[in-house]
Full PDB file with SEQRES, HELIX, SHEET, SSBOND, CRYST1, ORIGX, SCALE, CONECT and MASTER records, all heavy atoms in Angstrom:
SEQRES   1 A   32  ARG PHE THR ILE SER ARG ASP ASN ALA LYS ASN THR VAL          
SEQRES   2 A   32  HIS LEU GLN MET ASN SER LEU LYS PRO GLU ASP THR ALA          
SEQRES   3 A   32  VAL TYR TYR CYS ASN ALA                                      
HELIX    1 AA1 ASN A    8  LYS A   10  5                                   3    
HELIX    2 AA2 PRO A   22  ASP A   24  5                                   3    
SHEET    1 AA1 2 PHE A   2  ASP A   7  0                                        
SHEET    2 AA1 2 THR A  12  MET A  17 -1                                        
CRYST1    1.000    1.000    1.000  90.00  90.00  90.00 P 1           1          
ORIGX1      1.000000  0.000000  0.000000        0.00000                         
ORIGX2      0.000000  1.000000  0.000000        0.00000                         
ORIGX3      0.000000  0.000000  1.000000        0.00000                         
SCALE1      1.000000  0.000000  0.000000        0.00000                         
SCALE2      0.000000  1.000000  0.000000        0.00000                         
SCALE3      0.000000  0.000000  1.000000        0.00000                         
ATOM      1  N   ARG A   1      11.500 -45.460  -8.334  1.00  0.00           N  
ATOM      2  CA  ARG A   1      10.924 -44.236  -7.792  1.00  0.00           C  
ATOM      3  C   ARG A   1       9.556 -43.915  -8.397  1.00  0.00           C  
ATOM      4  O   ARG A   1       8.708 -43.340  -7.712  1.00  0.00           O  
ATOM      5  CB  ARG A   1      11.851 -43.046  -8.030  1.00  0.00           C  
ATOM      6  CG  ARG A   1      13.221 -43.186  -7.373  1.00  0.00           C  
ATOM      7  CD  ARG A   1      14.028 -41.896  -7.501  1.00  0.00           C  
ATOM      8  NE  ARG A   1      14.327 -41.566  -8.886  1.00  0.00           N  
ATOM      9  CZ  ARG A   1      13.969 -40.424  -9.474  1.00  0.00           C  
ATOM     10  NH1 ARG A   1      13.313 -39.492  -8.791  1.00  0.00           N  
ATOM     11  NH2 ARG A   1      14.302 -40.196 -10.742  1.00  0.00           N  
ATOM     12  N   PHE A   2       9.369 -44.251  -9.668  1.00  0.00           N  
ATOM     13  CA  PHE A   2       8.129 -43.941 -10.377  1.00  0.00           C  
ATOM     14  C   PHE A   2       7.328 -45.215 -10.607  1.00  0.00           C  
ATOM     15  O   PHE A   2       7.899 -46.297 -10.787  1.00  0.00           O  
ATOM     16  CB  PHE A   2       8.417 -43.303 -11.735  1.00  0.00           C  
ATOM     17  CG  PHE A   2       8.993 -41.913 -11.679  1.00  0.00           C  
ATOM     18  CD1 PHE A   2       9.423 -41.340 -10.500  1.00  0.00           C  
ATOM     19  CD2 PHE A   2       9.109 -41.176 -12.856  1.00  0.00           C  
ATOM     20  CE1 PHE A   2       9.956 -40.058 -10.460  1.00  0.00           C  
ATOM     21  CE2 PHE A   2       9.642 -39.898 -12.840  1.00  0.00           C  
ATOM     22  CZ  PHE A   2      10.065 -39.337 -11.645  1.00  0.00           C  
ATOM     23  N   THR A   3       6.009 -45.071 -10.657  1.00  0.00           N  
ATOM     24  CA  THR A   3       5.121 -46.186 -10.951  1.00  0.00           C  
ATOM     25  C   THR A   3       4.058 -45.749 -11.940  1.00  0.00           C  
ATOM     26  O   THR A   3       3.353 -44.764 -11.705  1.00  0.00           O  
ATOM     27  CB  THR A   3       4.438 -46.716  -9.677  1.00  0.00           C  
ATOM     28  OG1 THR A   3       5.419 -47.115  -8.718  1.00  0.00           O  
ATOM     29  CG2 THR A   3       3.556 -47.918 -10.013  1.00  0.00           C  
ATOM     30  N   ILE A   4       3.949 -46.471 -13.042  1.00  0.00           N  
ATOM     31  CA  ILE A   4       2.911 -46.195 -14.024  1.00  0.00           C  
ATOM     32  C   ILE A   4       1.771 -47.187 -13.827  1.00  0.00           C  
ATOM     33  O   ILE A   4       1.995 -48.356 -13.501  1.00  0.00           O  
ATOM     34  CB  ILE A   4       3.467 -46.265 -15.464  1.00  0.00           C  
ATOM     35  CG1 ILE A   4       2.431 -45.756 -16.470  1.00  0.00           C  
ATOM     36  CG2 ILE A   4       3.938 -47.671 -15.818  1.00  0.00           C  
ATOM     37  CD1 ILE A   4       2.987 -45.577 -17.880  1.00  0.00           C  
ATOM     38  N   SER A   5       0.548 -46.716 -14.006  1.00  0.00           N  
ATOM     39  CA  SER A   5      -0.620 -47.571 -13.862  1.00  0.00           C  
ATOM     40  C   SER A   5      -1.706 -47.089 -14.809  1.00  0.00           C  
ATOM     41  O   SER A   5      -1.652 -45.960 -15.313  1.00  0.00           O  
ATOM     42  CB  SER A   5      -1.129 -47.585 -12.416  1.00  0.00           C  
ATOM     43  OG  SER A   5      -1.517 -46.287 -12.004  1.00  0.00           O  
ATOM     44  N   ARG A   6      -2.685 -47.949 -15.059  1.00  0.00           N  
ATOM     45  CA  ARG A   6      -3.792 -47.555 -15.927  1.00  0.00           C  
ATOM     46  C   ARG A   6      -5.106 -48.029 -15.355  1.00  0.00           C  
ATOM     47  O   ARG A   6      -5.184 -49.055 -14.678  1.00  0.00           O  
ATOM     48  CB  ARG A   6      -3.587 -48.096 -17.349  1.00  0.00           C  
ATOM     49  CG  ARG A   6      -3.621 -49.613 -17.476  1.00  0.00           C  
ATOM     50  CD  ARG A   6      -3.155 -50.047 -18.874  1.00  0.00           C  
ATOM     51  NE  ARG A   6      -4.059 -49.602 -19.920  1.00  0.00           N  
ATOM     52  CZ  ARG A   6      -3.712 -49.437 -21.195  1.00  0.00           C  
ATOM     53  NH1 ARG A   6      -2.451 -49.666 -21.573  1.00  0.00           N  
ATOM     54  NH2 ARG A   6      -4.608 -49.040 -22.087  1.00  0.00           N  
ATOM     55  N   ASP A   7      -6.146 -47.265 -15.638  1.00  0.00           N  
ATOM     56  CA  ASP A   7      -7.499 -47.583 -15.238  1.00  0.00           C  
ATOM     57  C   ASP A   7      -8.337 -47.576 -16.509  1.00  0.00           C  
ATOM     58  O   ASP A   7      -8.756 -46.518 -16.978  1.00  0.00           O  
ATOM     59  CB  ASP A   7      -8.017 -46.564 -14.221  1.00  0.00           C  
ATOM     60  CG  ASP A   7      -9.385 -46.922 -13.674  1.00  0.00           C  
ATOM     61  OD1 ASP A   7     -10.099 -47.738 -14.286  1.00  0.00           O  
ATOM     62  OD2 ASP A   7      -9.756 -46.381 -12.623  1.00  0.00           O  
ATOM     63  N   ASN A   8      -8.560 -48.759 -17.071  1.00  0.00           N  
ATOM     64  CA  ASN A   8      -9.264 -48.845 -18.348  1.00  0.00           C  
ATOM     65  C   ASN A   8     -10.717 -48.381 -18.259  1.00  0.00           C  
ATOM     66  O   ASN A   8     -11.279 -47.910 -19.242  1.00  0.00           O  
ATOM     67  CB  ASN A   8      -9.206 -50.278 -18.881  1.00  0.00           C  
ATOM     68  CG  ASN A   8      -7.835 -50.654 -19.390  1.00  0.00           C  
ATOM     69  OD1 ASN A   8      -6.971 -49.797 -19.584  1.00  0.00           O  
ATOM     70  ND2 ASN A   8      -7.624 -51.942 -19.610  1.00  0.00           N  
ATOM     71  N   ALA A   9     -11.318 -48.522 -17.086  1.00  0.00           N  
ATOM     72  CA  ALA A   9     -12.697 -48.089 -16.911  1.00  0.00           C  
ATOM     73  C   ALA A   9     -12.832 -46.580 -17.003  1.00  0.00           C  
ATOM     74  O   ALA A   9     -13.902 -46.063 -17.321  1.00  0.00           O  
ATOM     75  CB  ALA A   9     -13.248 -48.586 -15.581  1.00  0.00           C  
ATOM     76  N   LYS A  10     -11.746 -45.862 -16.708  1.00  0.00           N  
ATOM     77  CA  LYS A  10     -11.760 -44.403 -16.737  1.00  0.00           C  
ATOM     78  C   LYS A  10     -10.917 -43.820 -17.856  1.00  0.00           C  
ATOM     79  O   LYS A  10     -10.737 -42.603 -17.919  1.00  0.00           O  
ATOM     80  CB  LYS A  10     -11.287 -43.849 -15.395  1.00  0.00           C  
ATOM     81  CG  LYS A  10     -12.187 -44.207 -14.230  1.00  0.00           C  
ATOM     82  CD  LYS A  10     -11.683 -43.586 -12.940  1.00  0.00           C  
ATOM     83  CE  LYS A  10     -12.609 -43.905 -11.786  1.00  0.00           C  
ATOM     84  NZ  LYS A  10     -12.137 -43.307 -10.515  1.00  0.00           N  
ATOM     85  N   ASN A  11     -10.400 -44.672 -18.743  1.00  0.00           N  
ATOM     86  CA  ASN A  11      -9.541 -44.223 -19.844  1.00  0.00           C  
ATOM     87  C   ASN A  11      -8.409 -43.330 -19.343  1.00  0.00           C  
ATOM     88  O   ASN A  11      -8.104 -42.292 -19.940  1.00  0.00           O  
ATOM     89  CB  ASN A  11     -10.364 -43.483 -20.902  1.00  0.00           C  
ATOM     90  CG  ASN A  11     -11.154 -44.416 -21.791  1.00  0.00           C  
ATOM     91  OD1 ASN A  11     -11.358 -45.587 -21.482  1.00  0.00           O  
ATOM     92  ND2 ASN A  11     -11.614 -43.891 -22.925  1.00  0.00           N  
ATOM     93  N   THR A  12      -7.775 -43.750 -18.267  1.00  0.00           N  
ATOM     94  CA  THR A  12      -6.792 -42.914 -17.596  1.00  0.00           C  
ATOM     95  C   THR A  12      -5.512 -43.686 -17.312  1.00  0.00           C  
ATOM     96  O   THR A  12      -5.553 -44.858 -16.925  1.00  0.00           O  
ATOM     97  CB  THR A  12      -7.360 -42.364 -16.279  1.00  0.00           C  
ATOM     98  OG1 THR A  12      -8.539 -41.602 -16.554  1.00  0.00           O  
ATOM     99  CG2 THR A  12      -6.344 -41.466 -15.580  1.00  0.00           C  
ATOM    100  N   VAL A  13      -4.386 -43.015 -17.502  1.00  0.00           N  
ATOM    101  CA  VAL A  13      -3.088 -43.543 -17.112  1.00  0.00           C  
ATOM    102  C   VAL A  13      -2.477 -42.582 -16.101  1.00  0.00           C  
ATOM    103  O   VAL A  13      -2.631 -41.359 -16.227  1.00  0.00           O  
ATOM    104  CB  VAL A  13      -2.161 -43.755 -18.328  1.00  0.00           C  
ATOM    105  CG1 VAL A  13      -1.879 -42.446 -19.051  1.00  0.00           C  
ATOM    106  CG2 VAL A  13      -0.863 -44.434 -17.910  1.00  0.00           C  
ATOM    107  N   HIS A  14      -1.818 -43.138 -15.086  1.00  0.00           N  
ATOM    108  CA  HIS A  14      -1.210 -42.339 -14.026  1.00  0.00           C  
ATOM    109  C   HIS A  14       0.293 -42.564 -13.976  1.00  0.00           C  
ATOM    110  O   HIS A  14       0.796 -43.605 -14.392  1.00  0.00           O  
ATOM    111  CB  HIS A  14      -1.801 -42.704 -12.666  1.00  0.00           C  
ATOM    112  CG  HIS A  14      -3.279 -42.512 -12.559  1.00  0.00           C  
ATOM    113  ND1 HIS A  14      -3.852 -41.280 -12.365  1.00  0.00           N  
ATOM    114  CD2 HIS A  14      -4.297 -43.406 -12.620  1.00  0.00           C  
ATOM    115  CE1 HIS A  14      -5.166 -41.417 -12.304  1.00  0.00           C  
ATOM    116  NE2 HIS A  14      -5.461 -42.691 -12.452  1.00  0.00           N  
ATOM    117  N   LEU A  15       0.983 -41.585 -13.436  1.00  0.00           N  
ATOM    118  CA  LEU A  15       2.398 -41.726 -13.130  1.00  0.00           C  
ATOM    119  C   LEU A  15       2.619 -41.212 -11.717  1.00  0.00           C  
ATOM    120  O   LEU A  15       2.552 -40.003 -11.477  1.00  0.00           O  
ATOM    121  CB  LEU A  15       3.277 -40.955 -14.120  1.00  0.00           C  
ATOM    122  CG  LEU A  15       4.782 -41.142 -13.928  1.00  0.00           C  
ATOM    123  CD1 LEU A  15       5.190 -42.582 -14.281  1.00  0.00           C  
ATOM    124  CD2 LEU A  15       5.572 -40.149 -14.775  1.00  0.00           C  
ATOM    125  N   GLN A  16       2.849 -42.137 -10.796  1.00  0.00           N  
ATOM    126  CA  GLN A  16       3.169 -41.780  -9.424  1.00  0.00           C  
ATOM    127  C   GLN A  16       4.671 -41.559  -9.325  1.00  0.00           C  
ATOM    128  O   GLN A  16       5.452 -42.464  -9.608  1.00  0.00           O  
ATOM    129  CB  GLN A  16       2.733 -42.879  -8.459  1.00  0.00           C  
ATOM    130  CG  GLN A  16       3.064 -42.610  -6.998  1.00  0.00           C  
ATOM    131  CD  GLN A  16       2.299 -41.439  -6.436  1.00  0.00           C  
ATOM    132  OE1 GLN A  16       1.096 -41.336  -6.628  1.00  0.00           O  
ATOM    133  NE2 GLN A  16       2.992 -40.548  -5.741  1.00  0.00           N  
ATOM    134  N   MET A  17       5.070 -40.362  -8.927  1.00  0.00           N  
ATOM    135  CA  MET A  17       6.474 -39.990  -8.864  1.00  0.00           C  
ATOM    136  C   MET A  17       6.852 -39.720  -7.410  1.00  0.00           C  
ATOM    137  O   MET A  17       6.333 -38.784  -6.793  1.00  0.00           O  
ATOM    138  CB  MET A  17       6.752 -38.758  -9.722  1.00  0.00           C  
ATOM    139  CG  MET A  17       6.325 -38.921 -11.179  1.00  0.00           C  
ATOM    140  SD  MET A  17       6.798 -37.512 -12.211  1.00  0.00           S  
ATOM    141  CE  MET A  17       5.769 -36.237 -11.492  1.00  0.00           C  
ATOM    142  N   ASN A  18       7.752 -40.529  -6.879  1.00  0.00           N  
ATOM    143  CA  ASN A  18       8.234 -40.384  -5.515  1.00  0.00           C  
ATOM    144  C   ASN A  18       9.721 -40.069  -5.507  1.00  0.00           C  
ATOM    145  O   ASN A  18      10.414 -40.272  -6.501  1.00  0.00           O  
ATOM    146  CB  ASN A  18       7.976 -41.665  -4.715  1.00  0.00           C  
ATOM    147  CG  ASN A  18       6.521 -42.017  -4.608  1.00  0.00           C  
ATOM    148  OD1 ASN A  18       5.658 -41.142  -4.531  1.00  0.00           O  
ATOM    149  ND2 ASN A  18       6.225 -43.316  -4.584  1.00  0.00           N  
ATOM    150  N   SER A  19      10.199 -39.594  -4.375  1.00  0.00           N  
ATOM    151  CA  SER A  19      11.621 -39.269  -4.205  1.00  0.00           C  
ATOM    152  C   SER A  19      12.136 -38.414  -5.353  1.00  0.00           C  
ATOM    153  O   SER A  19      13.190 -38.682  -5.938  1.00  0.00           O  
ATOM    154  CB  SER A  19      12.440 -40.556  -4.084  1.00  0.00           C  
ATOM    155  OG  SER A  19      12.000 -41.342  -2.999  1.00  0.00           O  
ATOM    156  N   LEU A  20      11.399 -37.374  -5.658  1.00  0.00           N  
ATOM    157  CA  LEU A  20      11.724 -36.543  -6.808  1.00  0.00           C  
ATOM    158  C   LEU A  20      13.046 -35.810  -6.628  1.00  0.00           C  
ATOM    159  O   LEU A  20      13.401 -35.396  -5.523  1.00  0.00           O  
ATOM    160  CB  LEU A  20      10.598 -35.557  -7.074  1.00  0.00           C  
ATOM    161  CG  LEU A  20       9.383 -36.170  -7.763  1.00  0.00           C  
ATOM    162  CD1 LEU A  20       8.162 -35.283  -7.597  1.00  0.00           C  
ATOM    163  CD2 LEU A  20       9.678 -36.389  -9.245  1.00  0.00           C  
ATOM    164  N   LYS A  21      13.755 -35.669  -7.740  1.00  0.00           N  
ATOM    165  CA  LYS A  21      15.044 -35.007  -7.786  1.00  0.00           C  
ATOM    166  C   LYS A  21      14.974 -33.814  -8.726  1.00  0.00           C  
ATOM    167  O   LYS A  21      14.144 -33.789  -9.632  1.00  0.00           O  
ATOM    168  CB  LYS A  21      16.120 -35.981  -8.288  1.00  0.00           C  
ATOM    169  CG  LYS A  21      16.230 -37.273  -7.513  1.00  0.00           C  
ATOM    170  CD  LYS A  21      17.225 -38.209  -8.187  1.00  0.00           C  
ATOM    171  CE  LYS A  21      17.346 -39.506  -7.423  1.00  0.00           C  
ATOM    172  NZ  LYS A  21      18.302 -40.436  -8.083  1.00  0.00           N  
ATOM    173  N   PRO A  22      15.856 -32.830  -8.548  1.00  0.00           N  
ATOM    174  CA  PRO A  22      15.884 -31.705  -9.486  1.00  0.00           C  
ATOM    175  C   PRO A  22      16.050 -32.147 -10.939  1.00  0.00           C  
ATOM    176  O   PRO A  22      15.516 -31.495 -11.841  1.00  0.00           O  
ATOM    177  CB  PRO A  22      17.087 -30.884  -9.011  1.00  0.00           C  
ATOM    178  CG  PRO A  22      17.169 -31.169  -7.553  1.00  0.00           C  
ATOM    179  CD  PRO A  22      16.776 -32.616  -7.416  1.00  0.00           C  
ATOM    180  N   GLU A  23      16.753 -33.251 -11.163  1.00  0.00           N  
ATOM    181  CA  GLU A  23      16.950 -33.770 -12.508  1.00  0.00           C  
ATOM    182  C   GLU A  23      15.664 -34.271 -13.155  1.00  0.00           C  
ATOM    183  O   GLU A  23      15.637 -34.516 -14.366  1.00  0.00           O  
ATOM    184  CB  GLU A  23      17.984 -34.908 -12.505  1.00  0.00           C  
ATOM    185  CG  GLU A  23      19.291 -34.557 -11.826  1.00  0.00           C  
ATOM    186  CD  GLU A  23      19.283 -34.909 -10.351  1.00  0.00           C  
ATOM    187  OE1 GLU A  23      19.631 -36.061 -10.016  1.00  0.00           O  
ATOM    188  OE2 GLU A  23      18.940 -34.032  -9.533  1.00  0.00           O  
ATOM    189  N   ASP A  24      14.610 -34.440 -12.370  1.00  0.00           N  
ATOM    190  CA  ASP A  24      13.320 -34.853 -12.905  1.00  0.00           C  
ATOM    191  C   ASP A  24      12.540 -33.685 -13.498  1.00  0.00           C  
ATOM    192  O   ASP A  24      11.484 -33.897 -14.099  1.00  0.00           O  
ATOM    193  CB  ASP A  24      12.469 -35.514 -11.820  1.00  0.00           C  
ATOM    194  CG  ASP A  24      13.081 -36.810 -11.309  1.00  0.00           C  
ATOM    195  OD1 ASP A  24      13.581 -37.606 -12.131  1.00  0.00           O  
ATOM    196  OD2 ASP A  24      13.050 -37.027 -10.080  1.00  0.00           O  
ATOM    197  N   THR A  25      13.038 -32.477 -13.321  1.00  0.00           N  
ATOM    198  CA  THR A  25      12.362 -31.302 -13.856  1.00  0.00           C  
ATOM    199  C   THR A  25      12.267 -31.387 -15.373  1.00  0.00           C  
ATOM    200  O   THR A  25      13.274 -31.545 -16.058  1.00  0.00           O  
ATOM    201  CB  THR A  25      13.104 -30.027 -13.447  1.00  0.00           C  
ATOM    202  OG1 THR A  25      13.053 -29.877 -12.023  1.00  0.00           O  
ATOM    203  CG2 THR A  25      12.474 -28.800 -14.092  1.00  0.00           C  
ATOM    204  N   ALA A  26      11.049 -31.284 -15.894  1.00  0.00           N  
ATOM    205  CA  ALA A  26      10.816 -31.409 -17.329  1.00  0.00           C  
ATOM    206  C   ALA A  26       9.339 -31.196 -17.611  1.00  0.00           C  
ATOM    207  O   ALA A  26       8.515 -31.140 -16.695  1.00  0.00           O  
ATOM    208  CB  ALA A  26      11.238 -32.799 -17.826  1.00  0.00           C  
ATOM    209  N   VAL A  27       9.021 -31.082 -18.887  1.00  0.00           N  
ATOM    210  CA  VAL A  27       7.644 -31.179 -19.326  1.00  0.00           C  
ATOM    211  C   VAL A  27       7.347 -32.645 -19.577  1.00  0.00           C  
ATOM    212  O   VAL A  27       8.080 -33.316 -20.312  1.00  0.00           O  
ATOM    213  CB  VAL A  27       7.376 -30.355 -20.595  1.00  0.00           C  
ATOM    214  CG1 VAL A  27       5.936 -30.531 -21.052  1.00  0.00           C  
ATOM    215  CG2 VAL A  27       7.673 -28.888 -20.345  1.00  0.00           C  
ATOM    216  N   TYR A  28       6.297 -33.149 -18.962  1.00  0.00           N  
ATOM    217  CA  TYR A  28       5.924 -34.550 -19.076  1.00  0.00           C  
ATOM    218  C   TYR A  28       4.756 -34.701 -20.039  1.00  0.00           C  
ATOM    219  O   TYR A  28       3.747 -34.000 -19.916  1.00  0.00           O  
ATOM    220  CB  TYR A  28       5.560 -35.121 -17.703  1.00  0.00           C  
ATOM    221  CG  TYR A  28       6.768 -35.400 -16.841  1.00  0.00           C  
ATOM    222  CD1 TYR A  28       7.521 -34.359 -16.312  1.00  0.00           C  
ATOM    223  CD2 TYR A  28       7.166 -36.707 -16.569  1.00  0.00           C  
ATOM    224  CE1 TYR A  28       8.643 -34.601 -15.543  1.00  0.00           C  
ATOM    225  CE2 TYR A  28       8.286 -36.956 -15.796  1.00  0.00           C  
ATOM    226  CZ  TYR A  28       9.024 -35.907 -15.285  1.00  0.00           C  
ATOM    227  OH  TYR A  28      10.140 -36.165 -14.513  1.00  0.00           O  
ATOM    228  N   TYR A  29       4.900 -35.629 -20.987  1.00  0.00           N  
ATOM    229  CA  TYR A  29       3.919 -35.839 -22.033  1.00  0.00           C  
ATOM    230  C   TYR A  29       3.315 -37.233 -21.958  1.00  0.00           C  
ATOM    231  O   TYR A  29       4.026 -38.219 -21.762  1.00  0.00           O  
ATOM    232  CB  TYR A  29       4.551 -35.675 -23.413  1.00  0.00           C  
ATOM    233  CG  TYR A  29       5.074 -34.292 -23.706  1.00  0.00           C  
ATOM    234  CD1 TYR A  29       6.386 -33.951 -23.412  1.00  0.00           C  
ATOM    235  CD2 TYR A  29       4.254 -33.327 -24.284  1.00  0.00           C  
ATOM    236  CE1 TYR A  29       6.879 -32.687 -23.679  1.00  0.00           C  
ATOM    237  CE2 TYR A  29       4.733 -32.060 -24.555  1.00  0.00           C  
ATOM    238  CZ  TYR A  29       6.048 -31.748 -24.253  1.00  0.00           C  
ATOM    239  OH  TYR A  29       6.535 -30.493 -24.528  1.00  0.00           O  
ATOM    240  N   CYS A  30       2.025 -37.307 -22.163  1.00  0.00           N  
ATOM    241  CA  CYS A  30       1.302 -38.567 -22.255  1.00  0.00           C  
ATOM    242  C   CYS A  30       1.282 -39.041 -23.707  1.00  0.00           C  
ATOM    243  O   CYS A  30       1.091 -38.239 -24.627  1.00  0.00           O  
ATOM    244  CB  CYS A  30      -0.122 -38.372 -21.733  1.00  0.00           C  
ATOM    245  SG  CYS A  30      -1.157 -39.846 -21.760  1.00  0.00           S  
ATOM    246  N   ASN A  31       1.483 -40.334 -23.906  1.00  0.00           N  
ATOM    247  CA  ASN A  31       1.528 -40.918 -25.247  1.00  0.00           C  
ATOM    248  C   ASN A  31       0.632 -42.147 -25.318  1.00  0.00           C  
ATOM    249  O   ASN A  31       0.600 -42.954 -24.388  1.00  0.00           O  
ATOM    250  CB  ASN A  31       2.968 -41.296 -25.603  1.00  0.00           C  
ATOM    251  CG  ASN A  31       3.073 -42.110 -26.876  1.00  0.00           C  
ATOM    252  OD1 ASN A  31       3.096 -43.350 -26.841  1.00  0.00           O  
ATOM    253  ND2 ASN A  31       3.141 -41.424 -28.004  1.00  0.00           N  
ATOM    254  N   ALA A  32      -0.084 -42.285 -26.427  1.00  0.00           N  
ATOM    255  CA  ALA A  32      -0.908 -43.460 -26.689  1.00  0.00           C  
ATOM    256  C   ALA A  32      -0.517 -44.054 -28.030  1.00  0.00           C  
ATOM    257  O   ALA A  32      -0.420 -43.336 -29.026  1.00  0.00           O  
ATOM    258  CB  ALA A  32      -2.391 -43.088 -26.686  1.00  0.00           C  
TER     259      ALA A  32                                                      
MASTER        0    0    0    2    2    0    0    6  258    1    0    3          
END                                                                             
């Protein structure tokens, strides 16, 4: 359901979240 990706040229990481469920409710944190 989820896909993580990174763009090194932009110093950015993404998380594409599809088919979301109520159980996905949370605070989401980025980690390096």
